[in-house]
Amino acid sequence: MSIDIKHSTSSPSTALNKSQTGKDVGKTAGQNTAASSESASGEGKVQEDSVSLTSSASLLQELRSEIEQQPVVNTEAVEAVSQKLADGTYEINDQRIADKILDMETKLASS
């Protein structure tokens, strides 16, 4: 919402009460009247904000937390693989790789 300062008194919806405090600046005249009547009567209701997360969102938050706790690089594993590659003794275990892929797919499908 923009307010034309030169003509602010000509528009009742954006007119500002001269006695209002800085916290009410920017409210329309109708909002200011409602706020002042609530505070005068003492019957103002406090609304609370709430957020609901789906189970998937909660799971993602848990996974993110676990990932953030892991070191960025496992230097011991990198050194071991590098040494095996340099020696020509690195062996690929295709059954282990397939099992890990299926395990990951199962976990993703169940969430």
Foldseek 3Di string as FASTA:
>chain_A
DDADVVCQVVDQQQNDDPPDDPVCHPGGNVVVVVVVVCVVVVPDDDDDDDDDDDPVVVVVVVVVVVVVVDDPDPVVVVVVVVVCVVVVNDDDDPVVVVVVVVVVVVVVVVD
